[in-house]
Amino acid sequence: RSGHDIIPMDALGEPYQRLARHRKLGGAVQATANFLDTTAASVTLLLRQQPLVRLAVFLYLVLIHLYVYFLLARMQRQALMLLAGQEKGAAAGAGLQGHDANALPH
């Protein structure tokens, strides 16, 4: 890995520089940026070298998307059933207009 592939943190622009020079947050910002950079480089290297890990990550992403799809479909079905029940109740309530709904039949 050559040194010219790495972007120095000084080149990240003024917003980062302002945070990095901040009296209270500067050290934490720099430490977090270094940690994220190191972790991302390690994960990238692992994914490049290990095809089985790439496959596992791909399968994980597919399964997460299928799970979210299932949840959304289930919630939509429940919402439609609830909406249909409310419409039925409104239609039944419209037939009782002018009558006391709490009155007992004689």
N, C-alpha and C. Protein backbone atom coordinates (compact mmCIF):
# COMPACT_ATOMS: atom_id res chain seq x y z
N ARG A 1 0.86 -1.17 0.00
CA ARG A 1 0.00 0.00 0.00
C ARG A 1 0.90 1.22 0.00
N SER A 2 0.68 2.04 -0.98
CA SER A 2 1.54 3.22 -1.09
C SER A 2 0.94 4.39 -0.32
N GLY A 3 1.79 5.32 0.08
CA GLY A 3 1.37 6.45 0.88
C GLY A 3 0.47 7.42 0.15
N HIS A 4 0.53 7.43 -1.18
CA HIS A 4 -0.28 8.40 -1.93
C HIS A 4 -1.74 7.97 -2.03
N ASP A 5 -2.09 6.74 -1.63
CA ASP A 5 -3.48 6.27 -1.65
C ASP A 5 -4.28 6.81 -0.47
N ILE A 6 -3.60 7.28 0.56
CA ILE A 6 -4.26 7.72 1.78
C ILE A 6 -4.45 9.23 1.72
N ILE A 7 -5.67 9.67 1.98
CA ILE A 7 -5.95 11.10 2.01
C ILE A 7 -5.62 11.62 3.40
N PRO A 8 -4.73 12.59 3.51
CA PRO A 8 -4.41 13.11 4.85
C PRO A 8 -5.61 13.85 5.44
N MET A 9 -5.71 13.80 6.75
CA MET A 9 -6.85 14.44 7.40
C MET A 9 -6.83 15.95 7.22
N ASP A 10 -5.67 16.51 6.96
CA ASP A 10 -5.59 17.95 6.73
C ASP A 10 -6.33 18.35 5.45
N ALA A 11 -6.51 17.40 4.53
CA ALA A 11 -7.16 17.70 3.26
C ALA A 11 -8.68 17.55 3.32
N LEU A 12 -9.23 17.30 4.49
CA LEU A 12 -10.67 17.08 4.60
C LEU A 12 -11.49 18.36 4.63
N GLY A 13 -10.84 19.49 4.65
CA GLY A 13 -11.57 20.76 4.54
C GLY A 13 -11.69 21.50 5.84
N GLU A 14 -12.20 22.70 5.73
CA GLU A 14 -12.30 23.61 6.87
C GLU A 14 -13.22 23.12 7.98
N PRO A 15 -14.40 22.53 7.70
CA PRO A 15 -15.24 22.07 8.81
C PRO A 15 -14.52 21.05 9.71
N TYR A 16 -13.81 20.11 9.09
CA TYR A 16 -13.07 19.13 9.89
C TYR A 16 -11.95 19.83 10.66
N GLN A 17 -11.25 20.73 10.00
CA GLN A 17 -10.14 21.42 10.65
C GLN A 17 -10.61 22.21 11.87
N ARG A 18 -11.76 22.87 11.72
CA ARG A 18 -12.31 23.62 12.84
C ARG A 18 -12.63 22.70 14.02
N LEU A 19 -13.23 21.54 13.72
CA LEU A 19 -13.53 20.57 14.79
C LEU A 19 -12.25 20.01 15.39
N ALA A 20 -11.28 19.70 14.55
CA ALA A 20 -10.03 19.11 15.03
C ALA A 20 -9.26 20.08 15.92
N ARG A 21 -9.39 21.38 15.67
CA ARG A 21 -8.69 22.37 16.49
C ARG A 21 -9.49 22.82 17.71
N HIS A 22 -10.72 22.33 17.82
CA HIS A 22 -11.57 22.74 18.94
C HIS A 22 -10.90 22.36 20.25
N ARG A 23 -10.99 23.26 21.22
CA ARG A 23 -10.28 23.10 22.49
C ARG A 23 -10.73 21.84 23.24
N LYS A 24 -12.03 21.58 23.29
CA LYS A 24 -12.54 20.43 24.05
C LYS A 24 -12.73 19.18 23.20
N LEU A 25 -13.17 19.36 21.97
CA LEU A 25 -13.51 18.21 21.12
C LEU A 25 -12.40 17.76 20.18
N GLY A 26 -11.38 18.55 20.01
CA GLY A 26 -10.36 18.27 19.01
C GLY A 26 -9.75 16.88 19.09
N GLY A 27 -9.33 16.49 20.29
CA GLY A 27 -8.70 15.18 20.45
C GLY A 27 -9.66 14.05 20.14
N ALA A 28 -10.91 14.18 20.59
CA ALA A 28 -11.90 13.14 20.35
C ALA A 28 -12.23 13.03 18.86
N VAL A 29 -12.32 14.16 18.17
CA VAL A 29 -12.62 14.15 16.74
C VAL A 29 -11.49 13.47 15.98
N GLN A 30 -10.26 13.81 16.30
CA GLN A 30 -9.13 13.20 15.61
C GLN A 30 -9.03 11.70 15.93
N ALA A 31 -9.25 11.33 17.19
CA ALA A 31 -9.18 9.92 17.56
C ALA A 31 -10.28 9.12 16.86
N THR A 32 -11.49 9.69 16.80
CA THR A 32 -12.60 9.01 16.13
C THR A 32 -12.33 8.87 14.64
N ALA A 33 -11.82 9.93 14.02
CA ALA A 33 -11.51 9.87 12.59
C ALA A 33 -10.44 8.81 12.31
N ASN A 34 -9.41 8.76 13.15
CA ASN A 34 -8.36 7.75 12.98
C ASN A 34 -8.92 6.34 13.17
N PHE A 35 -9.78 6.17 14.18
CA PHE A 35 -10.37 4.85 14.43
C PHE A 35 -11.22 4.40 13.24
N LEU A 36 -12.09 5.30 12.74
CA LEU A 36 -12.94 4.96 11.61
C LEU A 36 -12.11 4.65 10.36
N ASP A 37 -11.05 5.42 10.14
CA ASP A 37 -10.19 5.20 8.98
C ASP A 37 -9.49 3.85 9.07
N THR A 38 -8.94 3.54 10.24
CA THR A 38 -8.25 2.27 10.43
C THR A 38 -9.21 1.09 10.29
N THR A 39 -10.40 1.22 10.88
CA THR A 39 -11.39 0.14 10.81
C THR A 39 -11.84 -0.08 9.38
N ALA A 40 -12.13 1.00 8.66
CA ALA A 40 -12.57 0.87 7.27
C ALA A 40 -11.49 0.23 6.41
N ALA A 41 -10.24 0.60 6.63
CA ALA A 41 -9.14 0.01 5.86
C ALA A 41 -9.01 -1.49 6.17
N SER A 42 -9.16 -1.86 7.44
CA SER A 42 -9.06 -3.27 7.82
C SER A 42 -10.20 -4.10 7.22
N VAL A 43 -11.41 -3.55 7.28
CA VAL A 43 -12.56 -4.27 6.72
C VAL A 43 -12.42 -4.41 5.21
N THR A 44 -11.98 -3.35 4.55
CA THR A 44 -11.78 -3.40 3.11
C THR A 44 -10.75 -4.45 2.74
N LEU A 45 -9.66 -4.49 3.47
CA LEU A 45 -8.62 -5.49 3.21
C LEU A 45 -9.16 -6.91 3.42
N LEU A 46 -9.93 -7.09 4.49
CA LEU A 46 -10.52 -8.40 4.77
C LEU A 46 -11.46 -8.82 3.65
N LEU A 47 -12.30 -7.90 3.19
CA LEU A 47 -13.25 -8.22 2.12
C LEU A 47 -12.53 -8.51 0.80
N ARG A 48 -11.40 -7.86 0.56
CA ARG A 48 -10.64 -8.12 -0.66
C ARG A 48 -9.98 -9.49 -0.64
N GLN A 49 -9.52 -9.91 0.53
CA GLN A 49 -8.74 -11.13 0.63
C GLN A 49 -9.56 -12.39 0.89
N GLN A 50 -10.77 -12.24 1.43
CA GLN A 50 -11.55 -13.40 1.85
C GLN A 50 -12.87 -13.49 1.08
N PRO A 51 -12.95 -14.32 0.05
CA PRO A 51 -14.19 -14.43 -0.72
C PRO A 51 -15.37 -14.95 0.12
N LEU A 52 -15.08 -15.79 1.11
CA LEU A 52 -16.15 -16.32 1.95
C LEU A 52 -16.77 -15.21 2.81
N VAL A 53 -15.96 -14.29 3.25
CA VAL A 53 -16.47 -13.15 4.02
C VAL A 53 -17.32 -12.26 3.12
N ARG A 54 -16.88 -12.05 1.88
CA ARG A 54 -17.68 -11.27 0.92
C ARG A 54 -19.04 -11.92 0.72
N LEU A 55 -19.06 -13.23 0.56
CA LEU A 55 -20.31 -13.96 0.37
C LEU A 55 -21.20 -13.83 1.60
N ALA A 56 -20.62 -13.94 2.79
CA ALA A 56 -21.39 -13.82 4.03
C ALA A 56 -22.00 -12.42 4.16
N VAL A 57 -21.24 -11.40 3.83
CA VAL A 57 -21.76 -10.02 3.90
C VAL A 57 -22.88 -9.84 2.88
N PHE A 58 -22.71 -10.37 1.69
CA PHE A 58 -23.75 -10.27 0.67
C PHE A 58 -25.03 -10.97 1.12
N LEU A 59 -24.90 -12.18 1.65
CA LEU A 59 -26.07 -12.91 2.14
C LEU A 59 -26.74 -12.18 3.30
N TYR A 60 -25.94 -11.61 4.18
CA TYR A 60 -26.48 -10.84 5.29
C TYR A 60 -27.32 -9.67 4.77
N LEU A 61 -26.79 -8.94 3.80
CA LEU A 61 -27.53 -7.80 3.25
C LEU A 61 -28.83 -8.25 2.57
N VAL A 62 -28.79 -9.35 1.85
CA VAL A 62 -29.99 -9.86 1.20
C VAL A 62 -31.02 -10.25 2.25
N LEU A 63 -30.60 -10.97 3.29
CA LEU A 63 -31.53 -11.40 4.34
C LEU A 63 -32.12 -10.21 5.09
N ILE A 64 -31.33 -9.20 5.37
CA ILE A 64 -31.85 -8.01 6.05
C ILE A 64 -32.91 -7.32 5.18
N HIS A 65 -32.65 -7.23 3.88
CA HIS A 65 -33.63 -6.61 2.99
C HIS A 65 -34.91 -7.44 2.92
N LEU A 66 -34.80 -8.75 2.87
CA LEU A 66 -35.99 -9.59 2.85
C LEU A 66 -36.78 -9.47 4.15
N TYR A 67 -36.09 -9.38 5.28
CA TYR A 67 -36.75 -9.23 6.58
C TYR A 67 -37.51 -7.91 6.65
N VAL A 68 -36.89 -6.83 6.20
CA VAL A 68 -37.56 -5.53 6.19
C VAL A 68 -38.76 -5.56 5.25
N TYR A 69 -38.62 -6.19 4.09
CA TYR A 69 -39.73 -6.33 3.17
C TYR A 69 -40.88 -7.07 3.82
N PHE A 70 -40.58 -8.17 4.51
CA PHE A 70 -41.61 -8.95 5.21
C PHE A 70 -42.31 -8.10 6.26
N LEU A 71 -41.55 -7.35 7.05
CA LEU A 71 -42.14 -6.50 8.08
C LEU A 71 -43.05 -5.44 7.48
N LEU A 72 -42.59 -4.80 6.41
CA LEU A 72 -43.41 -3.78 5.76
C LEU A 72 -44.68 -4.36 5.17
N ALA A 73 -44.59 -5.51 4.55
CA ALA A 73 -45.77 -6.15 3.97
C ALA A 73 -46.76 -6.52 5.08
N ARG A 74 -46.26 -7.02 6.19
CA ARG A 74 -47.13 -7.40 7.31
C ARG A 74 -47.80 -6.17 7.92
N MET A 75 -47.03 -5.10 8.09
CA MET A 75 -47.60 -3.88 8.65
C MET A 75 -48.64 -3.27 7.70
N GLN A 76 -48.39 -3.35 6.41
CA GLN A 76 -49.33 -2.82 5.45
C GLN A 76 -50.63 -3.62 5.49
N ARG A 77 -50.54 -4.94 5.59
CA ARG A 77 -51.72 -5.77 5.66
C ARG A 77 -52.54 -5.44 6.91
N GLN A 78 -51.84 -5.27 8.04
CA GLN A 78 -52.54 -4.91 9.28
C GLN A 78 -53.19 -3.54 9.18
N ALA A 79 -52.51 -2.59 8.55
CA ALA A 79 -53.07 -1.25 8.40
C ALA A 79 -54.30 -1.28 7.50
N LEU A 80 -54.26 -2.07 6.44
CA LEU A 80 -55.41 -2.17 5.55
C LEU A 80 -56.59 -2.84 6.24
N MET A 81 -56.33 -3.86 7.05
CA MET A 81 -57.40 -4.51 7.80
C MET A 81 -58.01 -3.53 8.81
N LEU A 82 -57.18 -2.76 9.48
CA LEU A 82 -57.67 -1.77 10.44
C LEU A 82 -58.49 -0.70 9.73
N LEU A 83 -58.03 -0.25 8.59
CA LEU A 83 -58.76 0.75 7.82
C LEU A 83 -60.10 0.20 7.35
N ALA A 84 -60.12 -1.04 6.89
CA ALA A 84 -61.37 -1.66 6.45
C ALA A 84 -62.35 -1.79 7.62
N GLY A 85 -61.84 -2.13 8.80
CA GLY A 85 -62.69 -2.22 9.98
C GLY A 85 -63.26 -0.88 10.37
N GLN A 86 -62.49 0.18 10.24
CA GLN A 86 -62.97 1.52 10.56
C GLN A 86 -64.03 1.96 9.57
N GLU A 87 -63.83 1.62 8.30
CA GLU A 87 -64.82 1.99 7.28
C GLU A 87 -66.13 1.24 7.52
N LYS A 88 -66.04 -0.03 7.91
CA LYS A 88 -67.25 -0.80 8.23
C LYS A 88 -67.98 -0.18 9.40
N GLY A 89 -67.20 0.19 10.43
CA GLY A 89 -67.80 0.82 11.61
C GLY A 89 -68.44 2.14 11.27
N ALA A 90 -67.83 2.91 10.40
CA ALA A 90 -68.40 4.19 9.99
C ALA A 90 -69.67 3.98 9.19
N ALA A 91 -69.69 2.95 8.34
CA ALA A 91 -70.89 2.66 7.55
C ALA A 91 -72.02 2.20 8.45
N ALA A 92 -71.70 1.38 9.46
CA ALA A 92 -72.72 0.91 10.40
C ALA A 92 -73.21 2.07 11.25
N GLY A 93 -72.32 2.97 11.62
CA GLY A 93 -72.69 4.14 12.41
C GLY A 93 -73.55 5.09 11.61
N ALA A 94 -73.37 5.15 10.30
CA ALA A 94 -74.17 6.03 9.46
C ALA A 94 -75.62 5.57 9.42
N GLY A 95 -75.84 4.27 9.55
CA GLY A 95 -77.21 3.74 9.57
C GLY A 95 -77.94 4.06 10.86
N LEU A 96 -77.23 4.40 11.91
CA LEU A 96 -77.83 4.70 13.21
C LEU A 96 -77.98 6.20 13.44
N GLN A 97 -77.78 7.01 12.43
CA GLN A 97 -77.89 8.46 12.61
C GLN A 97 -79.29 8.82 13.09
N GLY A 98 -79.36 9.71 14.03
CA GLY A 98 -80.65 10.11 14.58
C GLY A 98 -81.12 9.22 15.69
N HIS A 99 -80.44 8.10 15.92
CA HIS A 99 -80.80 7.17 17.01
C HIS A 99 -79.73 7.24 18.07
N ASP A 100 -80.12 7.00 19.29
CA ASP A 100 -79.17 6.95 20.38
C ASP A 100 -78.47 5.59 20.32
N ALA A 101 -77.16 5.60 20.09
CA ALA A 101 -76.41 4.35 19.93
C ALA A 101 -76.36 3.56 21.22
N ASN A 102 -76.54 4.24 22.39
CA ASN A 102 -76.47 3.55 23.67
C ASN A 102 -77.83 3.07 24.16
N ALA A 103 -78.88 3.40 23.44
CA ALA A 103 -80.23 3.01 23.86
C ALA A 103 -80.42 1.50 23.67
N LEU A 104 -81.08 0.89 24.62
CA LEU A 104 -81.36 -0.54 24.53
C LEU A 104 -82.63 -0.75 23.72
N PRO A 105 -82.68 -1.80 22.92
CA PRO A 105 -83.92 -2.08 22.17
C PRO A 105 -85.02 -2.52 23.12
N HIS A 106 -86.29 -2.21 22.78
CA HIS A 106 -87.43 -2.58 23.63
C HIS A 106 -87.94 -3.93 23.27
